[in-house]
All heavy atoms as atom14 arrays in JSON, in Angstrom:
{
  "sequence": "RMLGALGIAEPELRAKSYPHQISGGMAQRVMIAMALACRPRLLIA",
  "atom14_mask": [
    [1, 1, 1, 1, 1, 1, 1, 1, 1, 1, 1, 0, 0, 0],
    [1, 1, 1, 1, 1, 1, 1, 1, 0, 0, 0, 0, 0, 0],
    [1, 1, 1, 1, 1, 1, 1, 1, 0, 0, 0, 0, 0, 0],
    [1, 1, 1, 1, 0, 0, 0, 0, 0, 0, 0, 0, 0, 0],
    [1, 1, 1, 1, 1, 0, 0, 0, 0, 0, 0, 0, 0, 0],
    [1, 1, 1, 1, 1, 1, 1, 1, 0, 0, 0, 0, 0, 0],
    [1, 1, 1, 1, 0, 0, 0, 0, 0, 0, 0, 0, 0, 0],
    [1, 1, 1, 1, 1, 1, 1, 1, 0, 0, 0, 0, 0, 0],
    [1, 1, 1, 1, 1, 0, 0, 0, 0, 0, 0, 0, 0, 0],
    [1, 1, 1, 1, 1, 1, 1, 1, 1, 0, 0, 0, 0, 0],
    [1, 1, 1, 1, 1, 1, 1, 0, 0, 0, 0, 0, 0, 0],
    [1, 1, 1, 1, 1, 1, 1, 1, 1, 0, 0, 0, 0, 0],
    [1, 1, 1, 1, 1, 1, 1, 1, 0, 0, 0, 0, 0, 0],
    [1, 1, 1, 1, 1, 1, 1, 1, 1, 1, 1, 0, 0, 0],
    [1, 1, 1, 1, 1, 0, 0, 0, 0, 0, 0, 0, 0, 0],
    [1, 1, 1, 1, 1, 1, 1, 1, 1, 0, 0, 0, 0, 0],
    [1, 1, 1, 1, 1, 1, 0, 0, 0, 0, 0, 0, 0, 0],
    [1, 1, 1, 1, 1, 1, 1, 1, 1, 1, 1, 1, 0, 0],
    [1, 1, 1, 1, 1, 1, 1, 0, 0, 0, 0, 0, 0, 0],
    [1, 1, 1, 1, 1, 1, 1, 1, 1, 1, 0, 0, 0, 0],
    [1, 1, 1, 1, 1, 1, 1, 1, 1, 0, 0, 0, 0, 0],
    [1, 1, 1, 1, 1, 1, 1, 1, 0, 0, 0, 0, 0, 0],
    [1, 1, 1, 1, 1, 1, 0, 0, 0, 0, 0, 0, 0, 0],
    [1, 1, 1, 1, 0, 0, 0, 0, 0, 0, 0, 0, 0, 0],
    [1, 1, 1, 1, 0, 0, 0, 0, 0, 0, 0, 0, 0, 0],
    [1, 1, 1, 1, 1, 1, 1, 1, 0, 0, 0, 0, 0, 0],
    [1, 1, 1, 1, 1, 0, 0, 0, 0, 0, 0, 0, 0, 0],
    [1, 1, 1, 1, 1, 1, 1, 1, 1, 0, 0, 0, 0, 0],
    [1, 1, 1, 1, 1, 1, 1, 1, 1, 1, 1, 0, 0, 0],
    [1, 1, 1, 1, 1, 1, 1, 0, 0, 0, 0, 0, 0, 0],
    [1, 1, 1, 1, 1, 1, 1, 1, 0, 0, 0, 0, 0, 0],
    [1, 1, 1, 1, 1, 1, 1, 1, 0, 0, 0, 0, 0, 0],
    [1, 1, 1, 1, 1, 0, 0, 0, 0, 0, 0, 0, 0, 0],
    [1, 1, 1, 1, 1, 1, 1, 1, 0, 0, 0, 0, 0, 0],
    [1, 1, 1, 1, 1, 0, 0, 0, 0, 0, 0, 0, 0, 0],
    [1, 1, 1, 1, 1, 1, 1, 1, 0, 0, 0, 0, 0, 0],
    [1, 1, 1, 1, 1, 0, 0, 0, 0, 0, 0, 0, 0, 0],
    [1, 1, 1, 1, 1, 1, 0, 0, 0, 0, 0, 0, 0, 0],
    [1, 1, 1, 1, 1, 1, 1, 1, 1, 1, 1, 0, 0, 0],
    [1, 1, 1, 1, 1, 1, 1, 0, 0, 0, 0, 0, 0, 0],
    [1, 1, 1, 1, 1, 1, 1, 1, 1, 1, 1, 0, 0, 0],
    [1, 1, 1, 1, 1, 1, 1, 1, 0, 0, 0, 0, 0, 0],
    [1, 1, 1, 1, 1, 1, 1, 1, 0, 0, 0, 0, 0, 0],
    [1, 1, 1, 1, 1, 1, 1, 1, 0, 0, 0, 0, 0, 0],
    [1, 1, 1, 1, 1, 0, 0, 0, 0, 0, 0, 0, 0, 0]
  ],
  "atom14_positions": [
    [[-46.72, 12.13, -42.3], [-46.7, 10.87, -42.96], [-46.07, 9.65, -42.04], [-46.58, 8.57, -42.09], [-45.71, 11.0, -44.21], [-45.69, 9.74, -45.06], [-45.21, 9.99, -46.48], [-43.83, 10.43, -46.47], [-43.4, 11.73, -46.85], [-44.32, 12.59, -47.23], [-42.22, 11.97, -46.82], [0.0, 0.0, 0.0], [0.0, 0.0, 0.0], [0.0, 0.0, 0.0]],
    [[-45.06, 10.01, -41.22], [-44.59, 8.96, -40.33], [-45.65, 8.62, -39.22], [-45.82, 7.47, -38.88], [-43.34, 9.55, -39.58], [-42.12, 9.69, -40.51], [-41.7, 8.07, -41.28], [-41.43, 7.01, -39.87], [0.0, 0.0, 0.0], [0.0, 0.0, 0.0], [0.0, 0.0, 0.0], [0.0, 0.0, 0.0], [0.0, 0.0, 0.0], [0.0, 0.0, 0.0]],
    [[-46.4, 9.63, -38.7], [-47.44, 9.36, -37.83], [-48.53, 8.39, -38.34], [-48.96, 7.38, -37.77], [-48.13, 10.54, -37.31], [-47.27, 11.5, -36.41], [-47.89, 12.77, -36.08], [-46.9, 10.82, -35.06], [0.0, 0.0, 0.0], [0.0, 0.0, 0.0], [0.0, 0.0, 0.0], [0.0, 0.0, 0.0], [0.0, 0.0, 0.0], [0.0, 0.0, 0.0]],
    [[-48.85, 8.64, -39.71], [-49.84, 7.76, -40.34], [-49.23, 6.3, -40.56], [-50.02, 5.42, -40.35], [0.0, 0.0, 0.0], [0.0, 0.0, 0.0], [0.0, 0.0, 0.0], [0.0, 0.0, 0.0], [0.0, 0.0, 0.0], [0.0, 0.0, 0.0], [0.0, 0.0, 0.0], [0.0, 0.0, 0.0], [0.0, 0.0, 0.0], [0.0, 0.0, 0.0]],
    [[-48.01, 6.29, -40.85], [-47.35, 4.9, -41.08], [-47.33, 4.14, -39.85], [-47.32, 2.93, -39.88], [-45.89, 5.11, -41.6], [0.0, 0.0, 0.0], [0.0, 0.0, 0.0], [0.0, 0.0, 0.0], [0.0, 0.0, 0.0], [0.0, 0.0, 0.0], [0.0, 0.0, 0.0], [0.0, 0.0, 0.0], [0.0, 0.0, 0.0], [0.0, 0.0, 0.0]],
    [[-47.38, 4.81, -38.7], [-47.43, 4.1, -37.37], [-48.75, 3.74, -36.82], [-48.89, 3.5, -35.63], [-46.56, 4.91, -36.4], [-45.02, 4.79, -36.58], [-44.31, 5.89, -35.95], [-44.53, 3.43, -36.27], [0.0, 0.0, 0.0], [0.0, 0.0, 0.0], [0.0, 0.0, 0.0], [0.0, 0.0, 0.0], [0.0, 0.0, 0.0], [0.0, 0.0, 0.0]],
    [[-49.76, 3.94, -37.64], [-51.13, 3.65, -37.32], [-51.91, 4.53, -36.46], [-52.9, 4.21, -35.83], [0.0, 0.0, 0.0], [0.0, 0.0, 0.0], [0.0, 0.0, 0.0], [0.0, 0.0, 0.0], [0.0, 0.0, 0.0], [0.0, 0.0, 0.0], [0.0, 0.0, 0.0], [0.0, 0.0, 0.0], [0.0, 0.0, 0.0], [0.0, 0.0, 0.0]],
    [[-51.43, 5.86, -36.53], [-52.22, 6.84, -35.74], [-53.28, 7.49, -36.64], [-52.93, 8.03, -37.67], [-51.13, 8.03, -35.25], [-50.25, 7.39, -34.26], [-51.92, 9.22, -34.67], [-49.13, 8.31, -33.82], [0.0, 0.0, 0.0], [0.0, 0.0, 0.0], [0.0, 0.0, 0.0], [0.0, 0.0, 0.0], [0.0, 0.0, 0.0], [0.0, 0.0, 0.0]],
    [[-54.53, 7.37, -36.13], [-55.64, 7.99, -36.88], [-55.56, 9.43, -36.99], [-55.04, 10.01, -35.94], [-56.94, 7.48, -36.25], [0.0, 0.0, 0.0], [0.0, 0.0, 0.0], [0.0, 0.0, 0.0], [0.0, 0.0, 0.0], [0.0, 0.0, 0.0], [0.0, 0.0, 0.0], [0.0, 0.0, 0.0], [0.0, 0.0, 0.0], [0.0, 0.0, 0.0]],
    [[-56.06, 10.02, -38.07], [-56.09, 11.53, -38.35], [-54.72, 12.05, -37.91], [-54.56, 12.93, -36.99], [-57.14, 12.06, -37.45], [-58.53, 11.65, -37.83], [-59.67, 12.38, -36.93], [-59.55, 12.27, -35.69], [-60.52, 13.04, -37.56], [0.0, 0.0, 0.0], [0.0, 0.0, 0.0], [0.0, 0.0, 0.0], [0.0, 0.0, 0.0], [0.0, 0.0, 0.0]],
    [[-53.61, 11.66, -38.63], [-52.34, 12.14, -38.25], [-52.11, 13.64, -38.45], [-51.34, 14.29, -37.58], [-51.38, 11.34, -39.28], [-52.25, 11.04, -40.38], [-53.62, 10.69, -39.75], [0.0, 0.0, 0.0], [0.0, 0.0, 0.0], [0.0, 0.0, 0.0], [0.0, 0.0, 0.0], [0.0, 0.0, 0.0], [0.0, 0.0, 0.0], [0.0, 0.0, 0.0]],
    [[-52.87, 14.33, -39.31], [-52.65, 15.75, -39.44], [-53.2, 16.43, -38.19], [-52.58, 17.37, -37.72], [-53.49, 16.23, -40.71], [-53.02, 15.76, -42.03], [-53.69, 14.4, -42.46], [-54.36, 13.84, -41.56], [-53.43, 13.92, -43.53], [0.0, 0.0, 0.0], [0.0, 0.0, 0.0], [0.0, 0.0, 0.0], [0.0, 0.0, 0.0], [0.0, 0.0, 0.0]],
    [[-54.27, 15.97, -37.76], [-54.89, 16.55, -36.4], [-53.91, 16.19, -35.25], [-53.61, 17.09, -34.36], [-56.29, 16.08, -36.11], [-57.04, 16.5, -34.92], [-57.11, 18.1, -35.0], [-58.34, 15.95, -34.77], [0.0, 0.0, 0.0], [0.0, 0.0, 0.0], [0.0, 0.0, 0.0], [0.0, 0.0, 0.0], [0.0, 0.0, 0.0], [0.0, 0.0, 0.0]],
    [[-53.47, 14.88, -35.2], [-52.76, 14.53, -34.03], [-51.39, 15.13, -34.01], [-50.79, 15.36, -32.86], [-52.6, 12.95, -34.0], [-51.99, 12.34, -32.78], [-52.89, 12.75, -31.65], [-54.15, 12.18, -31.57], [-55.11, 12.59, -30.77], [-54.84, 13.54, -29.88], [-56.3, 12.05, -30.88], [0.0, 0.0, 0.0], [0.0, 0.0, 0.0], [0.0, 0.0, 0.0]],
    [[-50.76, 15.54, -35.07], [-49.5, 16.25, -35.16], [-49.65, 17.49, -34.37], [-48.55, 18.03, -33.94], [-49.16, 16.45, -36.61], [0.0, 0.0, 0.0], [0.0, 0.0, 0.0], [0.0, 0.0, 0.0], [0.0, 0.0, 0.0], [0.0, 0.0, 0.0], [0.0, 0.0, 0.0], [0.0, 0.0, 0.0], [0.0, 0.0, 0.0], [0.0, 0.0, 0.0]],
    [[-50.83, 18.15, -34.27], [-50.93, 19.41, -33.52], [-51.23, 19.25, -32.03], [-51.22, 20.21, -31.26], [-52.13, 20.13, -34.08], [-52.08, 20.43, -35.55], [-53.39, 21.13, -36.15], [-53.23, 21.31, -37.67], [-54.5, 21.93, -38.11], [0.0, 0.0, 0.0], [0.0, 0.0, 0.0], [0.0, 0.0, 0.0], [0.0, 0.0, 0.0], [0.0, 0.0, 0.0]],
    [[-51.32, 17.99, -31.47], [-51.44, 17.66, -30.1], [-50.09, 17.94, -29.36], [-49.05, 17.73, -29.92], [-51.94, 16.21, -29.93], [-53.25, 16.06, -30.66], [0.0, 0.0, 0.0], [0.0, 0.0, 0.0], [0.0, 0.0, 0.0], [0.0, 0.0, 0.0], [0.0, 0.0, 0.0], [0.0, 0.0, 0.0], [0.0, 0.0, 0.0], [0.0, 0.0, 0.0]],
    [[-50.28, 18.13, -27.99], [-49.2, 18.28, -27.14], [-48.95, 16.92, -26.44], [-49.99, 16.17, -26.23], [-49.24, 19.42, -26.28], [-49.17, 20.78, -26.96], [-50.23, 21.32, -27.61], [-47.91, 21.39, -26.96], [-50.08, 22.46, -28.3], [-47.73, 22.58, -27.68], [-48.8, 23.21, -28.34], [-48.66, 24.38, -29.11], [0.0, 0.0, 0.0], [0.0, 0.0, 0.0]],
    [[-47.78, 16.63, -25.83], [-47.56, 15.39, -25.12], [-48.59, 15.1, -24.1], [-49.01, 13.91, -23.91], [-46.22, 15.49, -24.65], [-45.46, 16.39, -25.59], [-46.54, 17.34, -26.04], [0.0, 0.0, 0.0], [0.0, 0.0, 0.0], [0.0, 0.0, 0.0], [0.0, 0.0, 0.0], [0.0, 0.0, 0.0], [0.0, 0.0, 0.0], [0.0, 0.0, 0.0]],
    [[-49.04, 16.05, -23.35], [-50.03, 15.85, -22.23], [-51.4, 15.47, -22.73], [-52.26, 15.02, -21.98], [-50.13, 16.95, -21.42], [-50.82, 18.2, -21.95], [-50.19, 19.1, -22.69], [-52.11, 18.53, -21.89], [-51.06, 20.03, -23.08], [-52.24, 19.74, -22.6], [0.0, 0.0, 0.0], [0.0, 0.0, 0.0], [0.0, 0.0, 0.0], [0.0, 0.0, 0.0]],
    [[-51.53, 15.59, -24.09], [-52.96, 15.4, -24.74], [-53.1, 13.95, -25.38], [-54.04, 13.66, -25.88], [-53.19, 16.34, -25.77], [-53.4, 17.73, -25.13], [-53.6, 18.81, -26.34], [-52.84, 18.88, -27.32], [-54.55, 19.73, -26.05], [0.0, 0.0, 0.0], [0.0, 0.0, 0.0], [0.0, 0.0, 0.0], [0.0, 0.0, 0.0], [0.0, 0.0, 0.0]],
    [[-51.98, 13.15, -25.23], [-51.95, 11.86, -25.82], [-51.57, 10.71, -24.86], [-51.09, 10.98, -23.67], [-50.85, 11.75, -27.0], [-49.51, 12.02, -26.43], [-51.32, 12.75, -28.1], [-48.44, 11.93, -27.56], [0.0, 0.0, 0.0], [0.0, 0.0, 0.0], [0.0, 0.0, 0.0], [0.0, 0.0, 0.0], [0.0, 0.0, 0.0], [0.0, 0.0, 0.0]],
    [[-52.01, 9.51, -25.16], [-51.72, 8.44, -24.24], [-50.33, 8.01, -24.28], [-49.4, 8.39, -25.13], [-52.61, 7.21, -24.66], [-52.29, 6.71, -25.92], [0.0, 0.0, 0.0], [0.0, 0.0, 0.0], [0.0, 0.0, 0.0], [0.0, 0.0, 0.0], [0.0, 0.0, 0.0], [0.0, 0.0, 0.0], [0.0, 0.0, 0.0], [0.0, 0.0, 0.0]],
    [[-49.91, 7.08, -23.31], [-48.56, 6.62, -23.23], [-48.21, 5.82, -24.5], [-47.13, 5.92, -25.07], [0.0, 0.0, 0.0], [0.0, 0.0, 0.0], [0.0, 0.0, 0.0], [0.0, 0.0, 0.0], [0.0, 0.0, 0.0], [0.0, 0.0, 0.0], [0.0, 0.0, 0.0], [0.0, 0.0, 0.0], [0.0, 0.0, 0.0], [0.0, 0.0, 0.0]],
    [[-49.15, 5.03, -24.94], [-48.95, 4.16, -26.17], [-48.72, 5.11, -27.42], [-47.94, 4.77, -28.24], [0.0, 0.0, 0.0], [0.0, 0.0, 0.0], [0.0, 0.0, 0.0], [0.0, 0.0, 0.0], [0.0, 0.0, 0.0], [0.0, 0.0, 0.0], [0.0, 0.0, 0.0], [0.0, 0.0, 0.0], [0.0, 0.0, 0.0], [0.0, 0.0, 0.0]],
    [[-49.5, 6.1, -27.54], [-49.35, 7.04, -28.7], [-48.06, 7.82, -28.5], [-47.34, 8.05, -29.52], [-50.52, 7.94, -28.74], [-50.58, 8.82, -29.96], [-52.13, 9.81, -30.21], [-53.26, 8.47, -30.53], [0.0, 0.0, 0.0], [0.0, 0.0, 0.0], [0.0, 0.0, 0.0], [0.0, 0.0, 0.0], [0.0, 0.0, 0.0], [0.0, 0.0, 0.0]],
    [[-47.61, 8.17, -27.41], [-46.4, 8.83, -27.21], [-45.21, 7.96, -27.56], [-44.19, 8.41, -28.15], [-46.22, 9.28, -25.72], [0.0, 0.0, 0.0], [0.0, 0.0, 0.0], [0.0, 0.0, 0.0], [0.0, 0.0, 0.0], [0.0, 0.0, 0.0], [0.0, 0.0, 0.0], [0.0, 0.0, 0.0], [0.0, 0.0, 0.0], [0.0, 0.0, 0.0]],
    [[-45.37, 6.6, -27.38], [-44.37, 5.69, -27.76], [-44.19, 5.65, -29.28], [-43.16, 5.68, -29.87], [-44.65, 4.29, -27.24], [-43.6, 3.26, -27.52], [-42.35, 3.43, -26.71], [-41.64, 4.42, -26.76], [-42.1, 2.45, -25.82], [0.0, 0.0, 0.0], [0.0, 0.0, 0.0], [0.0, 0.0, 0.0], [0.0, 0.0, 0.0], [0.0, 0.0, 0.0]],
    [[-45.42, 5.73, -29.97], [-45.39, 5.75, -31.4], [-44.76, 7.05, -31.9], [-44.1, 7.07, -33.01], [-46.84, 5.5, -31.95], [-47.27, 4.09, -31.91], [-48.56, 3.79, -32.53], [-49.62, 4.08, -31.56], [-50.9, 4.04, -31.8], [-51.26, 3.9, -33.03], [-51.78, 4.28, -30.9], [0.0, 0.0, 0.0], [0.0, 0.0, 0.0], [0.0, 0.0, 0.0]],
    [[-45.07, 8.15, -31.24], [-44.44, 9.43, -31.63], [-42.94, 9.33, -31.64], [-42.15, 9.78, -32.5], [-44.91, 10.58, -30.75], [-44.25, 11.81, -30.99], [-46.44, 10.85, -31.06], [0.0, 0.0, 0.0], [0.0, 0.0, 0.0], [0.0, 0.0, 0.0], [0.0, 0.0, 0.0], [0.0, 0.0, 0.0], [0.0, 0.0, 0.0], [0.0, 0.0, 0.0]],
    [[-42.37, 8.75, -30.57], [-40.98, 8.57, -30.36], [-40.41, 7.7, -31.43], [-39.27, 8.04, -32.01], [-40.62, 7.99, -29.03], [-40.86, 8.93, -27.82], [-39.74, 10.36, -27.9], [-38.13, 9.66, -27.9], [0.0, 0.0, 0.0], [0.0, 0.0, 0.0], [0.0, 0.0, 0.0], [0.0, 0.0, 0.0], [0.0, 0.0, 0.0], [0.0, 0.0, 0.0]],
    [[-41.12, 6.78, -31.82], [-40.69, 5.8, -32.98], [-40.73, 6.59, -34.25], [-39.72, 6.52, -35.09], [-41.51, 4.57, -33.07], [-41.26, 3.8, -31.7], [-41.15, 3.79, -34.23], [-42.25, 2.58, -31.57], [0.0, 0.0, 0.0], [0.0, 0.0, 0.0], [0.0, 0.0, 0.0], [0.0, 0.0, 0.0], [0.0, 0.0, 0.0], [0.0, 0.0, 0.0]],
    [[-41.75, 7.41, -34.49], [-41.8, 8.3, -35.69], [-40.65, 9.22, -35.76], [-40.02, 9.42, -36.81], [-43.09, 8.97, -35.73], [0.0, 0.0, 0.0], [0.0, 0.0, 0.0], [0.0, 0.0, 0.0], [0.0, 0.0, 0.0], [0.0, 0.0, 0.0], [0.0, 0.0, 0.0], [0.0, 0.0, 0.0], [0.0, 0.0, 0.0], [0.0, 0.0, 0.0]],
    [[-40.28, 9.77, -34.58], [-39.17, 10.76, -34.52], [-37.84, 10.02, -34.94], [-36.88, 10.5, -35.59], [-39.02, 11.45, -33.13], [-38.08, 12.54, -32.96], [-38.05, 13.17, -31.41], [-39.78, 13.63, -31.08], [0.0, 0.0, 0.0], [0.0, 0.0, 0.0], [0.0, 0.0, 0.0], [0.0, 0.0, 0.0], [0.0, 0.0, 0.0], [0.0, 0.0, 0.0]],
    [[-37.65, 8.87, -34.29], [-36.37, 8.11, -34.52], [-36.26, 7.66, -36.07], [-35.21, 7.59, -36.64], [-36.38, 6.94, -33.7], [0.0, 0.0, 0.0], [0.0, 0.0, 0.0], [0.0, 0.0, 0.0], [0.0, 0.0, 0.0], [0.0, 0.0, 0.0], [0.0, 0.0, 0.0], [0.0, 0.0, 0.0], [0.0, 0.0, 0.0], [0.0, 0.0, 0.0]],
    [[-37.35, 7.35, -36.64], [-37.35, 6.74, -38.01], [-37.41, 7.86, -39.09], [-37.22, 7.55, -40.23], [-38.52, 5.75, -38.31], [-38.4, 4.5, -37.4], [-39.62, 3.52, -37.73], [-37.1, 3.76, -37.62], [0.0, 0.0, 0.0], [0.0, 0.0, 0.0], [0.0, 0.0, 0.0], [0.0, 0.0, 0.0], [0.0, 0.0, 0.0], [0.0, 0.0, 0.0]],
    [[-37.85, 8.92, -38.77], [-38.11, 10.12, -39.76], [-36.9, 10.42, -40.64], [-37.12, 10.74, -41.8], [-38.58, 11.37, -39.11], [0.0, 0.0, 0.0], [0.0, 0.0, 0.0], [0.0, 0.0, 0.0], [0.0, 0.0, 0.0], [0.0, 0.0, 0.0], [0.0, 0.0, 0.0], [0.0, 0.0, 0.0], [0.0, 0.0, 0.0], [0.0, 0.0, 0.0]],
    [[-35.72, 10.36, -40.04], [-34.48, 10.67, -40.83], [-33.92, 9.41, -41.42], [-32.74, 9.5, -41.93], [-33.48, 11.41, -39.87], [-34.0, 13.04, -39.41], [0.0, 0.0, 0.0], [0.0, 0.0, 0.0], [0.0, 0.0, 0.0], [0.0, 0.0, 0.0], [0.0, 0.0, 0.0], [0.0, 0.0, 0.0], [0.0, 0.0, 0.0], [0.0, 0.0, 0.0]],
    [[-34.53, 8.26, -41.33], [-34.08, 7.04, -41.94], [-32.64, 6.79, -41.51], [-31.73, 6.71, -42.28], [-34.23, 7.12, -43.47], [-35.62, 7.3, -43.87], [-35.71, 7.64, -45.39], [-35.38, 6.68, -46.21], [-36.3, 5.75, -46.77], [-37.58, 5.83, -46.44], [-35.87, 4.81, -47.6], [0.0, 0.0, 0.0], [0.0, 0.0, 0.0], [0.0, 0.0, 0.0]],
    [[-32.5, 6.52, -40.18], [-31.03, 6.3, -39.68], [-30.4, 4.99, -40.21], [-31.09, 4.06, -40.65], [-31.32, 6.26, -38.15], [-32.67, 5.66, -38.07], [-33.43, 6.32, -39.14], [0.0, 0.0, 0.0], [0.0, 0.0, 0.0], [0.0, 0.0, 0.0], [0.0, 0.0, 0.0], [0.0, 0.0, 0.0], [0.0, 0.0, 0.0], [0.0, 0.0, 0.0]],
    [[-29.13, 4.96, -40.0], [-28.39, 3.73, -40.45], [-28.43, 2.8, -39.22], [-28.2, 1.59, -39.42], [-26.96, 4.2, -40.82], [-26.98, 5.06, -42.1], [-25.53, 5.53, -42.32], [-24.6, 4.57, -42.42], [-23.34, 4.64, -41.94], [-22.9, 5.69, -41.32], [-22.57, 3.65, -42.21], [0.0, 0.0, 0.0], [0.0, 0.0, 0.0], [0.0, 0.0, 0.0]],
    [[-28.49, 3.25, -38.06], [-28.58, 2.41, -36.8], [-29.73, 2.92, -36.0], [-29.86, 4.02, -35.59], [-27.33, 2.34, -36.11], [-27.36, 1.68, -34.73], [-27.67, 0.13, -34.88], [-26.1, 1.8, -33.98], [0.0, 0.0, 0.0], [0.0, 0.0, 0.0], [0.0, 0.0, 0.0], [0.0, 0.0, 0.0], [0.0, 0.0, 0.0], [0.0, 0.0, 0.0]],
    [[-30.73, 1.93, -35.68], [-31.78, 2.28, -34.78], [-31.65, 1.42, -33.51], [-31.41, 0.23, -33.51], [-33.12, 1.87, -35.39], [-34.35, 2.03, -34.43], [-34.65, 3.51, -34.15], [-35.58, 1.36, -34.99], [0.0, 0.0, 0.0], [0.0, 0.0, 0.0], [0.0, 0.0, 0.0], [0.0, 0.0, 0.0], [0.0, 0.0, 0.0], [0.0, 0.0, 0.0]],
    [[-31.52, 2.24, -32.4], [-31.52, 1.6, -31.07], [-32.76, 1.61, -30.5], [-33.32, 2.78, -30.16], [-30.41, 2.24, -30.18], [-29.09, 2.22, -30.85], [-30.23, 1.58, -28.81], [-27.93, 2.96, -30.04], [0.0, 0.0, 0.0], [0.0, 0.0, 0.0], [0.0, 0.0, 0.0], [0.0, 0.0, 0.0], [0.0, 0.0, 0.0], [0.0, 0.0, 0.0]],
    [[-33.55, 0.54, -30.26], [-34.84, 0.48, -29.77], [-34.91, -0.13, -28.31], [-34.62, -1.35, -28.25], [-35.72, -0.33, -30.65], [0.0, 0.0, 0.0], [0.0, 0.0, 0.0], [0.0, 0.0, 0.0], [0.0, 0.0, 0.0], [0.0, 0.0, 0.0], [0.0, 0.0, 0.0], [0.0, 0.0, 0.0], [0.0, 0.0, 0.0], [0.0, 0.0, 0.0]]
  ]
}
């Protein structure tokens, strides 16, 4: 759901990808998804 919220197409399929299979921009969105998934009280970006 977080991958989809960040504009990644076919998030179910992309969730199965490994870091070497994605672009740098997509890796950045994955990191943002990881940071926001637990709904933190403070986000350092």
